[in-house]
């Protein structure tokens, strides 16, 4: 059972990226899913979360620019990031709360936004 994140890269300020994170293996039912990020020298912080039913929560930094969605049939969570800023530069990690295994983390995908 693992989470595989993808979609990071080097973009310019104002650009858009879409991150994906798919759970593989016999993970069972996933409750909440979320994206976190960690910039160099800082603590990991919540970016956005989504319940199995689709209720969402966003950190202030991403409100109005980021959109989290999920596909329960595919055990996949997405993060659409619009109007990216240099301060969004970080490693982005996905998180899934599995009934069977508890909290799971992906390995992270690097997002770099140049000014």
Protein backbone atom coordinates (compact mmCIF):
# COMPACT_ATOMS: atom_id res chain seq x y z
CA UNK A 1 0.00 0.00 0.00
CA UNK A 2 1.45 3.33 -1.00
CA UNK A 3 0.59 6.82 -2.13
CA UNK A 4 2.21 8.10 -5.29
CA UNK A 5 2.19 11.84 -5.90
CA UNK A 6 2.95 13.43 -9.25
CA UNK A 7 2.55 16.67 -11.14
CA UNK A 8 5.16 18.89 -9.54
CA UNK A 9 7.65 20.88 -11.52
CA UNK A 10 9.24 24.25 -12.23
CA UNK A 11 6.83 26.98 -13.26
CA UNK A 12 6.70 30.75 -13.36
CA UNK A 13 4.65 32.96 -11.10
CA UNK A 14 1.06 33.06 -12.27
CA UNK A 15 1.18 29.61 -13.84
CA UNK A 16 -0.96 26.59 -13.03
CA UNK A 17 -0.11 23.12 -11.83
CA UNK A 18 -2.26 20.10 -11.06
CA UNK A 19 -0.98 17.59 -8.57
CA UNK A 20 -2.29 14.05 -8.38
CA UNK A 21 -1.90 11.41 -5.72
CA UNK A 22 -3.08 7.86 -6.20
CA UNK A 23 -3.28 5.17 -3.57
CA UNK A 24 -2.28 1.71 -4.71
CA UNK A 25 -2.65 -1.70 -3.16
CA UNK A 26 -5.47 -3.02 -1.00
CA UNK A 27 -5.92 0.22 0.85
CA UNK A 28 -9.62 -0.22 1.53
CA UNK A 29 -11.83 2.73 2.37
CA UNK A 30 -10.14 6.12 2.61
CA UNK A 31 -11.73 8.75 4.79
CA UNK A 32 -10.19 12.22 4.57
CA UNK A 33 -7.44 13.01 2.07
CA UNK A 34 -5.23 16.05 2.13
CA UNK A 35 -2.29 17.90 0.71
CA UNK A 36 0.48 19.29 2.88
CA UNK A 37 3.59 21.19 1.93
CA UNK A 38 6.97 21.86 3.42
CA UNK A 39 9.31 24.61 2.34
CA UNK A 40 13.01 24.51 3.29
CA UNK A 41 13.52 25.39 6.93
CA UNK A 42 9.84 25.29 7.77
CA UNK A 43 7.41 22.82 9.27
CA UNK A 44 5.02 20.81 7.18
CA UNK A 45 1.71 22.64 6.87
CA UNK A 46 -1.75 21.75 5.69
CA UNK A 47 -2.67 23.10 2.28
CA UNK A 48 -6.12 21.59 1.79
CA UNK A 49 -8.19 18.63 2.87
CA UNK A 50 -11.27 16.85 1.60
CA UNK A 51 -13.60 14.38 3.26
CA UNK A 52 -14.88 11.27 1.58
CA UNK A 53 -18.14 13.09 1.00
CA UNK A 54 -16.40 16.02 -0.67
CA UNK A 55 -16.33 18.68 2.04
CA UNK A 56 -13.21 20.78 1.69
CA UNK A 57 -11.00 22.91 3.87
CA UNK A 58 -8.23 25.26 2.77
CA UNK A 59 -5.40 27.07 4.40
CA UNK A 60 -5.68 30.83 4.03
CA UNK A 61 -2.65 30.87 1.73
CA UNK A 62 -4.46 28.86 -0.92
CA UNK A 63 -8.04 30.07 -0.66
CA UNK A 64 -9.31 31.26 -4.00
CA UNK A 65 -6.30 29.82 -5.85
CA UNK A 66 -6.20 26.11 -4.96
CA UNK A 67 -8.89 23.50 -5.47
CA UNK A 68 -8.81 20.03 -3.95
CA UNK A 69 -10.89 17.23 -5.43
CA UNK A 70 -10.93 13.46 -5.21
CA UNK A 71 -12.09 10.43 -7.11
CA UNK A 72 -13.14 7.78 -4.61
CA UNK A 73 -13.39 5.08 -7.26
CA UNK A 74 -9.74 5.67 -8.17
CA UNK A 75 -8.52 6.40 -4.62
CA UNK A 76 -6.99 9.56 -6.01
CA UNK A 77 -6.81 13.11 -4.75
CA UNK A 78 -5.96 16.16 -6.86
CA UNK A 79 -4.78 19.68 -6.13
CA UNK A 80 -5.36 22.30 -8.80
CA UNK A 81 -3.10 25.25 -8.11
CA UNK A 82 -3.76 28.46 -10.02
CA UNK A 83 -2.00 31.80 -9.90
CA UNK A 84 1.06 30.25 -8.32
CA UNK A 85 3.39 32.47 -6.31
CA UNK A 86 7.06 32.05 -5.43
CA UNK A 87 6.02 31.48 -1.81
CA UNK A 88 4.17 28.35 -2.94
CA UNK A 89 7.55 26.72 -3.58
CA UNK A 90 7.73 23.59 -1.46
CA UNK A 91 7.60 19.83 -1.47
CA UNK A 92 3.95 18.83 -1.58
CA UNK A 93 2.86 15.68 0.23
CA UNK A 94 -0.41 13.86 -0.02
CA UNK A 95 -2.02 12.24 2.98
CA UNK A 96 -4.77 9.66 3.18
CA UNK A 97 -6.57 8.44 6.26
CA UNK A 98 -7.25 4.77 5.61
CA UNK A 99 -9.63 2.85 7.83
CA UNK A 100 -7.44 -0.23 7.44
CA UNK A 101 -3.99 1.36 7.83
CA UNK A 102 -4.54 4.73 9.46
CA UNK A 103 -2.73 7.85 8.15
CA UNK A 104 -0.56 7.27 5.07
CA UNK A 105 1.89 9.66 3.42
CA UNK A 106 3.20 9.91 -0.10
CA UNK A 107 6.85 10.69 -0.81
CA UNK A 108 6.21 14.21 -2.01
CA UNK A 109 6.50 16.11 -5.24
CA UNK A 110 8.53 19.30 -5.61
CA UNK A 111 6.87 22.48 -6.79
CA UNK A 112 9.16 25.38 -7.66
CA UNK A 113 7.70 28.73 -8.64
CA UNK A 114 10.08 31.28 -10.09
CA UNK A 115 9.41 35.00 -9.99
